[in-house]
Amino acid sequence: MTVSTGTMSAAEFRALAEFRYQIRLFLNGSEEAARNADLEPQQYLLMLALRGLPPGHEPSIREIAERLQLRHHSVVELVDRLERRQFLRRERSRTDRRQVLLHLTPRGEKILTRLAKQRISELRTAAPALVRALTAVIRTM
């Protein structure tokens, strides 16, 4: 895909701004829901990324750091806090003892499931506005 170096129309700017606004509304709701569940938003996102890994992806700190677009040491700190609260546990890989794998505990699964169900319900409500905003961005291209 090539990006035009020409000027952008007011409609393109409005469409892009509206799309970003709709995304932020949803993300802010997720952050608030996490805080209401006594989790840091990043902790919720880590648990979601862990539980939602595509098949064939190792539940390693490196993989989660990539999925969250965070530095390795930042993910380690999040994991430390979640482990202290017994929401997840570390385990050495059986195939490579140098690698540490992450697993949600039943307690972590419970809180994540509750939050994810809530967010999916809210996404169903927000979806039409998100789709309209994304469609407007695509149409202005």
N, C-alpha and C. Protein backbone atom coordinates (compact mmCIF):
# COMPACT_ATOMS: atom_id res chain seq x y z
N MET A 1 0.84 -1.17 0.00
CA MET A 1 0.00 0.00 0.00
C MET A 1 0.89 1.23 0.00
N THR A 2 0.61 2.15 -0.87
CA THR A 2 1.37 3.39 -0.91
C THR A 2 0.59 4.48 -0.21
N VAL A 3 1.31 5.34 0.44
CA VAL A 3 0.70 6.45 1.15
C VAL A 3 0.92 7.70 0.32
N SER A 4 -0.17 8.39 0.05
CA SER A 4 -0.08 9.62 -0.72
C SER A 4 0.60 10.70 0.13
N THR A 5 1.47 11.45 -0.52
CA THR A 5 2.14 12.55 0.20
C THR A 5 1.40 13.85 0.00
N GLY A 6 0.25 13.80 -0.70
CA GLY A 6 -0.55 15.00 -0.94
C GLY A 6 -1.29 15.41 0.32
N THR A 7 -2.09 16.43 0.19
CA THR A 7 -2.84 16.94 1.33
C THR A 7 -4.00 16.02 1.68
N MET A 8 -4.41 16.14 2.90
CA MET A 8 -5.56 15.36 3.36
C MET A 8 -6.75 16.31 3.46
N SER A 9 -7.91 15.77 3.19
CA SER A 9 -9.12 16.58 3.26
C SER A 9 -9.60 16.67 4.71
N ALA A 10 -10.46 17.64 4.95
CA ALA A 10 -11.06 17.79 6.27
C ALA A 10 -11.85 16.54 6.63
N ALA A 11 -12.51 15.93 5.65
CA ALA A 11 -13.29 14.71 5.89
C ALA A 11 -12.38 13.56 6.35
N GLU A 12 -11.18 13.47 5.78
CA GLU A 12 -10.24 12.42 6.19
C GLU A 12 -9.80 12.63 7.64
N PHE A 13 -9.48 13.87 7.98
CA PHE A 13 -9.09 14.16 9.36
C PHE A 13 -10.23 13.86 10.33
N ARG A 14 -11.45 14.28 9.96
CA ARG A 14 -12.61 14.04 10.83
C ARG A 14 -12.85 12.54 11.00
N ALA A 15 -12.76 11.79 9.91
CA ALA A 15 -12.99 10.35 9.97
C ALA A 15 -11.96 9.67 10.86
N LEU A 16 -10.71 10.03 10.70
CA LEU A 16 -9.66 9.44 11.51
C LEU A 16 -9.82 9.83 12.98
N ALA A 17 -10.14 11.08 13.23
CA ALA A 17 -10.34 11.54 14.61
C ALA A 17 -11.53 10.84 15.26
N GLU A 18 -12.60 10.65 14.53
CA GLU A 18 -13.78 9.98 15.07
C GLU A 18 -13.48 8.51 15.38
N PHE A 19 -12.74 7.86 14.49
CA PHE A 19 -12.37 6.46 14.71
C PHE A 19 -11.53 6.33 15.99
N ARG A 20 -10.55 7.21 16.13
CA ARG A 20 -9.71 7.18 17.32
C ARG A 20 -10.55 7.46 18.57
N TYR A 21 -11.48 8.38 18.48
CA TYR A 21 -12.35 8.70 19.61
C TYR A 21 -13.17 7.47 20.02
N GLN A 22 -13.74 6.78 19.06
CA GLN A 22 -14.56 5.60 19.37
C GLN A 22 -13.70 4.50 20.01
N ILE A 23 -12.49 4.33 19.53
CA ILE A 23 -11.57 3.34 20.13
C ILE A 23 -11.26 3.74 21.57
N ARG A 24 -10.96 5.01 21.79
CA ARG A 24 -10.63 5.47 23.15
C ARG A 24 -11.80 5.31 24.10
N LEU A 25 -13.02 5.55 23.62
CA LEU A 25 -14.19 5.34 24.48
C LEU A 25 -14.22 3.89 24.97
N PHE A 26 -14.02 2.97 24.05
CA PHE A 26 -14.04 1.56 24.44
C PHE A 26 -12.88 1.23 25.37
N LEU A 27 -11.68 1.70 25.03
CA LEU A 27 -10.51 1.41 25.86
C LEU A 27 -10.62 2.04 27.24
N ASN A 28 -11.13 3.25 27.31
CA ASN A 28 -11.31 3.89 28.62
C ASN A 28 -12.29 3.09 29.47
N GLY A 29 -13.32 2.56 28.85
CA GLY A 29 -14.27 1.70 29.57
C GLY A 29 -13.59 0.46 30.11
N SER A 30 -12.68 -0.11 29.32
CA SER A 30 -11.93 -1.29 29.77
C SER A 30 -11.04 -0.94 30.95
N GLU A 31 -10.40 0.21 30.89
CA GLU A 31 -9.52 0.63 31.98
C GLU A 31 -10.32 0.85 33.26
N GLU A 32 -11.47 1.48 33.12
CA GLU A 32 -12.33 1.71 34.29
C GLU A 32 -12.84 0.40 34.87
N ALA A 33 -13.24 -0.53 34.00
CA ALA A 33 -13.72 -1.83 34.47
C ALA A 33 -12.62 -2.57 35.22
N ALA A 34 -11.39 -2.50 34.73
CA ALA A 34 -10.27 -3.15 35.41
C ALA A 34 -10.06 -2.52 36.79
N ARG A 35 -10.05 -1.20 36.85
CA ARG A 35 -9.86 -0.53 38.14
C ARG A 35 -10.98 -0.89 39.12
N ASN A 36 -12.21 -0.97 38.62
CA ASN A 36 -13.33 -1.34 39.48
C ASN A 36 -13.21 -2.77 40.00
N ALA A 37 -12.46 -3.60 39.29
CA ALA A 37 -12.21 -4.97 39.72
C ALA A 37 -10.91 -5.06 40.54
N ASP A 38 -10.37 -3.91 40.92
CA ASP A 38 -9.14 -3.82 41.71
C ASP A 38 -7.92 -4.37 40.96
N LEU A 39 -7.90 -4.10 39.66
CA LEU A 39 -6.75 -4.45 38.82
C LEU A 39 -6.25 -3.19 38.14
N GLU A 40 -4.96 -3.15 37.87
CA GLU A 40 -4.43 -2.10 37.02
C GLU A 40 -4.85 -2.44 35.59
N PRO A 41 -5.15 -1.44 34.76
CA PRO A 41 -5.53 -1.76 33.38
C PRO A 41 -4.51 -2.65 32.66
N GLN A 42 -3.22 -2.41 32.89
CA GLN A 42 -2.20 -3.23 32.23
C GLN A 42 -2.23 -4.68 32.72
N GLN A 43 -2.63 -4.89 33.97
CA GLN A 43 -2.73 -6.26 34.48
C GLN A 43 -3.86 -6.99 33.77
N TYR A 44 -4.99 -6.31 33.59
CA TYR A 44 -6.11 -6.91 32.85
C TYR A 44 -5.67 -7.24 31.43
N LEU A 45 -4.99 -6.31 30.77
CA LEU A 45 -4.55 -6.54 29.39
C LEU A 45 -3.57 -7.70 29.30
N LEU A 46 -2.70 -7.83 30.29
CA LEU A 46 -1.76 -8.95 30.30
C LEU A 46 -2.52 -10.27 30.41
N MET A 47 -3.48 -10.34 31.33
CA MET A 47 -4.24 -11.58 31.50
C MET A 47 -5.04 -11.89 30.24
N LEU A 48 -5.61 -10.86 29.61
CA LEU A 48 -6.36 -11.06 28.38
C LEU A 48 -5.44 -11.55 27.25
N ALA A 49 -4.28 -10.94 27.13
CA ALA A 49 -3.32 -11.36 26.10
C ALA A 49 -2.88 -12.80 26.33
N LEU A 50 -2.65 -13.15 27.57
CA LEU A 50 -2.24 -14.51 27.92
C LEU A 50 -3.32 -15.52 27.55
N ARG A 51 -4.54 -15.24 27.98
CA ARG A 51 -5.66 -16.16 27.74
C ARG A 51 -6.04 -16.21 26.26
N GLY A 52 -5.80 -15.12 25.55
CA GLY A 52 -6.20 -15.04 24.15
C GLY A 52 -5.09 -15.31 23.15
N LEU A 53 -3.99 -15.90 23.60
CA LEU A 53 -2.89 -16.18 22.66
C LEU A 53 -3.37 -17.10 21.53
N PRO A 54 -2.93 -16.81 20.30
CA PRO A 54 -3.28 -17.70 19.20
C PRO A 54 -2.63 -19.07 19.39
N PRO A 55 -3.24 -20.11 18.82
CA PRO A 55 -2.64 -21.46 18.92
C PRO A 55 -1.20 -21.45 18.41
N GLY A 56 -0.36 -22.20 19.10
CA GLY A 56 1.03 -22.31 18.69
C GLY A 56 1.95 -21.25 19.28
N HIS A 57 1.41 -20.28 19.97
CA HIS A 57 2.23 -19.24 20.60
C HIS A 57 2.48 -19.62 22.05
N GLU A 58 3.74 -19.56 22.45
CA GLU A 58 4.12 -19.91 23.82
C GLU A 58 3.70 -18.80 24.78
N PRO A 59 3.15 -19.15 25.93
CA PRO A 59 2.75 -18.13 26.91
C PRO A 59 3.95 -17.61 27.71
N SER A 60 4.93 -17.09 27.00
CA SER A 60 6.16 -16.60 27.63
C SER A 60 6.07 -15.10 27.87
N ILE A 61 6.96 -14.63 28.72
CA ILE A 61 7.02 -13.20 28.98
C ILE A 61 7.37 -12.46 27.69
N ARG A 62 8.27 -13.01 26.90
CA ARG A 62 8.65 -12.39 25.63
C ARG A 62 7.43 -12.26 24.70
N GLU A 63 6.64 -13.31 24.61
CA GLU A 63 5.46 -13.28 23.73
C GLU A 63 4.44 -12.26 24.23
N ILE A 64 4.22 -12.23 25.54
CA ILE A 64 3.26 -11.28 26.10
C ILE A 64 3.76 -9.85 25.92
N ALA A 65 5.06 -9.64 26.10
CA ALA A 65 5.63 -8.31 25.88
C ALA A 65 5.37 -7.86 24.44
N GLU A 66 5.54 -8.77 23.50
CA GLU A 66 5.27 -8.44 22.10
C GLU A 66 3.79 -8.12 21.89
N ARG A 67 2.92 -8.94 22.43
CA ARG A 67 1.48 -8.75 22.24
C ARG A 67 1.01 -7.43 22.86
N LEU A 68 1.61 -7.03 23.97
CA LEU A 68 1.22 -5.79 24.64
C LEU A 68 2.03 -4.59 24.15
N GLN A 69 3.08 -4.86 23.37
CA GLN A 69 3.98 -3.82 22.90
C GLN A 69 4.62 -3.09 24.08
N LEU A 70 5.09 -3.89 25.04
CA LEU A 70 5.78 -3.38 26.22
C LEU A 70 7.18 -3.97 26.27
N ARG A 71 8.03 -3.34 27.04
CA ARG A 71 9.38 -3.87 27.26
C ARG A 71 9.32 -5.08 28.19
N HIS A 72 10.28 -5.96 28.01
CA HIS A 72 10.35 -7.20 28.79
C HIS A 72 10.27 -6.93 30.29
N HIS A 73 11.08 -5.99 30.76
CA HIS A 73 11.12 -5.72 32.20
C HIS A 73 9.79 -5.18 32.73
N SER A 74 9.04 -4.47 31.89
CA SER A 74 7.72 -3.97 32.31
C SER A 74 6.75 -5.13 32.50
N VAL A 75 6.83 -6.10 31.61
CA VAL A 75 5.96 -7.28 31.72
C VAL A 75 6.36 -8.10 32.94
N VAL A 76 7.65 -8.21 33.20
CA VAL A 76 8.10 -8.94 34.39
C VAL A 76 7.50 -8.32 35.64
N GLU A 77 7.49 -7.00 35.73
CA GLU A 77 6.91 -6.33 36.89
C GLU A 77 5.40 -6.60 37.00
N LEU A 78 4.70 -6.55 35.89
CA LEU A 78 3.27 -6.87 35.90
C LEU A 78 3.04 -8.31 36.35
N VAL A 79 3.84 -9.21 35.84
CA VAL A 79 3.73 -10.63 36.21
C VAL A 79 4.01 -10.80 37.70
N ASP A 80 5.02 -10.11 38.21
CA ASP A 80 5.33 -10.20 39.65
C ASP A 80 4.10 -9.81 40.48
N ARG A 81 3.47 -8.71 40.10
CA ARG A 81 2.30 -8.24 40.86
C ARG A 81 1.13 -9.21 40.75
N LEU A 82 0.90 -9.72 39.56
CA LEU A 82 -0.21 -10.67 39.37
C LEU A 82 0.06 -11.99 40.09
N GLU A 83 1.31 -12.39 40.11
CA GLU A 83 1.66 -13.63 40.82
C GLU A 83 1.48 -13.46 42.33
N ARG A 84 1.87 -12.31 42.85
CA ARG A 84 1.68 -12.05 44.29
C ARG A 84 0.19 -12.11 44.67
N ARG A 85 -0.66 -11.69 43.76
CA ARG A 85 -2.10 -11.70 44.02
C ARG A 85 -2.74 -13.04 43.64
N GLN A 86 -1.92 -13.97 43.20
CA GLN A 86 -2.35 -15.33 42.84
C GLN A 86 -3.31 -15.36 41.66
N PHE A 87 -3.08 -14.46 40.68
CA PHE A 87 -3.87 -14.44 39.46
C PHE A 87 -3.18 -15.23 38.35
N LEU A 88 -1.89 -15.40 38.47
CA LEU A 88 -1.16 -16.23 37.53
C LEU A 88 0.03 -16.86 38.21
N ARG A 89 0.62 -17.83 37.51
CA ARG A 89 1.80 -18.51 38.04
C ARG A 89 2.81 -18.70 36.92
N ARG A 90 4.06 -18.76 37.33
CA ARG A 90 5.16 -19.04 36.40
C ARG A 90 5.48 -20.53 36.45
N GLU A 91 5.97 -21.03 35.32
CA GLU A 91 6.39 -22.43 35.26
C GLU A 91 7.51 -22.54 34.24
N ARG A 92 8.55 -23.28 34.57
CA ARG A 92 9.65 -23.50 33.62
C ARG A 92 9.15 -24.37 32.47
N SER A 93 9.57 -24.04 31.28
CA SER A 93 9.23 -24.84 30.11
C SER A 93 9.86 -26.22 30.25
N ARG A 94 9.14 -27.23 29.85
CA ARG A 94 9.69 -28.60 29.91
C ARG A 94 10.70 -28.85 28.80
N THR A 95 10.56 -28.11 27.70
CA THR A 95 11.46 -28.30 26.57
C THR A 95 12.69 -27.40 26.63
N ASP A 96 12.57 -26.24 27.25
CA ASP A 96 13.69 -25.31 27.38
C ASP A 96 13.64 -24.71 28.78
N ARG A 97 14.43 -25.26 29.68
CA ARG A 97 14.39 -24.88 31.10
C ARG A 97 14.73 -23.41 31.33
N ARG A 98 15.32 -22.75 30.33
CA ARG A 98 15.62 -21.32 30.47
C ARG A 98 14.37 -20.46 30.30
N GLN A 99 13.37 -21.01 29.65
CA GLN A 99 12.15 -20.25 29.36
C GLN A 99 11.12 -20.41 30.47
N VAL A 100 10.51 -19.28 30.82
CA VAL A 100 9.45 -19.27 31.84
C VAL A 100 8.12 -19.07 31.13
N LEU A 101 7.17 -19.95 31.42
CA LEU A 101 5.84 -19.86 30.84
C LEU A 101 4.85 -19.36 31.89
N LEU A 102 3.84 -18.68 31.43
CA LEU A 102 2.85 -18.08 32.31
C LEU A 102 1.52 -18.82 32.17
N HIS A 103 0.83 -18.96 33.29
CA HIS A 103 -0.47 -19.63 33.30
C HIS A 103 -1.39 -18.89 34.26
N LEU A 104 -2.62 -18.68 33.83
CA LEU A 104 -3.61 -18.10 34.74
C LEU A 104 -3.99 -19.13 35.79
N THR A 105 -4.20 -18.68 36.99
CA THR A 105 -4.72 -19.54 38.05
C THR A 105 -6.25 -19.54 37.94
N PRO A 106 -6.92 -20.45 38.63
CA PRO A 106 -8.39 -20.39 38.62
C PRO A 106 -8.92 -19.03 39.08
N ARG A 107 -8.26 -18.43 40.04
CA ARG A 107 -8.66 -17.09 40.51
C ARG A 107 -8.51 -16.06 39.39
N GLY A 108 -7.41 -16.13 38.66
CA GLY A 108 -7.18 -15.23 37.54
C GLY A 108 -8.19 -15.46 36.42
N GLU A 109 -8.48 -16.72 36.13
CA GLU A 109 -9.49 -17.06 35.11
C GLU A 109 -10.84 -16.46 35.47
N LYS A 110 -11.19 -16.55 36.75
CA LYS A 110 -12.50 -16.08 37.20
C LYS A 110 -12.66 -14.58 36.99
N ILE A 111 -11.67 -13.81 37.43
CA ILE A 111 -11.79 -12.35 37.29
C ILE A 111 -11.69 -11.94 35.82
N LEU A 112 -10.82 -12.60 35.07
CA LEU A 112 -10.68 -12.28 33.65
C LEU A 112 -11.98 -12.58 32.90
N THR A 113 -12.57 -13.71 33.17
CA THR A 113 -13.83 -14.08 32.50
C THR A 113 -14.92 -13.07 32.80
N ARG A 114 -15.02 -12.66 34.05
CA ARG A 114 -16.04 -11.67 34.43
C ARG A 114 -15.82 -10.36 33.67
N LEU A 115 -14.59 -9.88 33.65
CA LEU A 115 -14.29 -8.63 32.94
C LEU A 115 -14.49 -8.76 31.43
N ALA A 116 -14.05 -9.87 30.86
CA ALA A 116 -14.16 -10.06 29.41
C ALA A 116 -15.63 -10.14 28.99
N LYS A 117 -16.45 -10.82 29.75
CA LYS A 117 -17.88 -10.89 29.43
C LYS A 117 -18.50 -9.50 29.46
N GLN A 118 -18.12 -8.72 30.45
CA GLN A 118 -18.63 -7.35 30.56
C GLN A 118 -18.19 -6.52 29.36
N ARG A 119 -16.92 -6.66 28.99
CA ARG A 119 -16.40 -5.86 27.87
C ARG A 119 -17.03 -6.29 26.54
N ILE A 120 -17.27 -7.57 26.35
CA ILE A 120 -17.92 -8.02 25.12
C ILE A 120 -19.34 -7.47 25.05
N SER A 121 -20.03 -7.48 26.17
CA SER A 121 -21.38 -6.93 26.20
C SER A 121 -21.36 -5.45 25.82
N GLU A 122 -20.42 -4.70 26.38
CA GLU A 122 -20.31 -3.28 26.06
C GLU A 122 -19.84 -3.06 24.62
N LEU A 123 -19.02 -3.97 24.12
CA LEU A 123 -18.57 -3.86 22.73
C LEU A 123 -19.74 -4.04 21.77
N ARG A 124 -20.65 -4.92 22.12
CA ARG A 124 -21.83 -5.09 21.27
C ARG A 124 -22.61 -3.78 21.14
N THR A 125 -22.65 -3.02 22.20
CA THR A 125 -23.32 -1.72 22.17
C THR A 125 -22.50 -0.70 21.39
N ALA A 126 -21.20 -0.73 21.56
CA ALA A 126 -20.31 0.25 20.92
C ALA A 126 -19.99 -0.10 19.46
N ALA A 127 -20.19 -1.34 19.07
CA ALA A 127 -19.78 -1.82 17.75
C ALA A 127 -20.32 -0.99 16.59
N PRO A 128 -21.61 -0.64 16.59
CA PRO A 128 -22.09 0.12 15.43
C PRO A 128 -21.34 1.44 15.22
N ALA A 129 -21.05 2.16 16.29
CA ALA A 129 -20.31 3.43 16.16
C ALA A 129 -18.88 3.17 15.71
N LEU A 130 -18.26 2.12 16.22
CA LEU A 130 -16.90 1.77 15.79
C LEU A 130 -16.87 1.40 14.31
N VAL A 131 -17.83 0.60 13.89
CA VAL A 131 -17.89 0.18 12.49
C VAL A 131 -18.14 1.38 11.58
N ARG A 132 -19.06 2.26 11.98
CA ARG A 132 -19.31 3.47 11.18
C ARG A 132 -18.05 4.32 11.06
N ALA A 133 -17.34 4.47 12.18
CA ALA A 133 -16.13 5.29 12.17
C ALA A 133 -15.05 4.66 11.29
N LEU A 134 -14.86 3.34 11.40
CA LEU A 134 -13.86 2.67 10.57
C LEU A 134 -14.25 2.72 9.10
N THR A 135 -15.52 2.52 8.81
CA THR A 135 -15.99 2.59 7.42
C THR A 135 -15.74 3.98 6.85
N ALA A 136 -15.97 5.01 7.63
CA ALA A 136 -15.72 6.38 7.16
C ALA A 136 -14.25 6.59 6.85
N VAL A 137 -13.36 6.03 7.68
CA VAL A 137 -11.92 6.16 7.42
C VAL A 137 -11.57 5.47 6.11
N ILE A 138 -12.08 4.27 5.93
CA ILE A 138 -11.75 3.49 4.73
C ILE A 138 -12.30 4.18 3.47
N ARG A 139 -13.49 4.72 3.57
CA ARG A 139 -14.11 5.39 2.41
C ARG A 139 -13.35 6.65 2.00
N THR A 140 -12.73 7.33 2.95
CA THR A 140 -12.04 8.58 2.61
C THR A 140 -10.66 8.33 2.00
N MET A 141 -10.21 7.12 2.04
CA MET A 141 -8.86 6.82 1.51
C MET A 141 -8.82 6.95 0.00
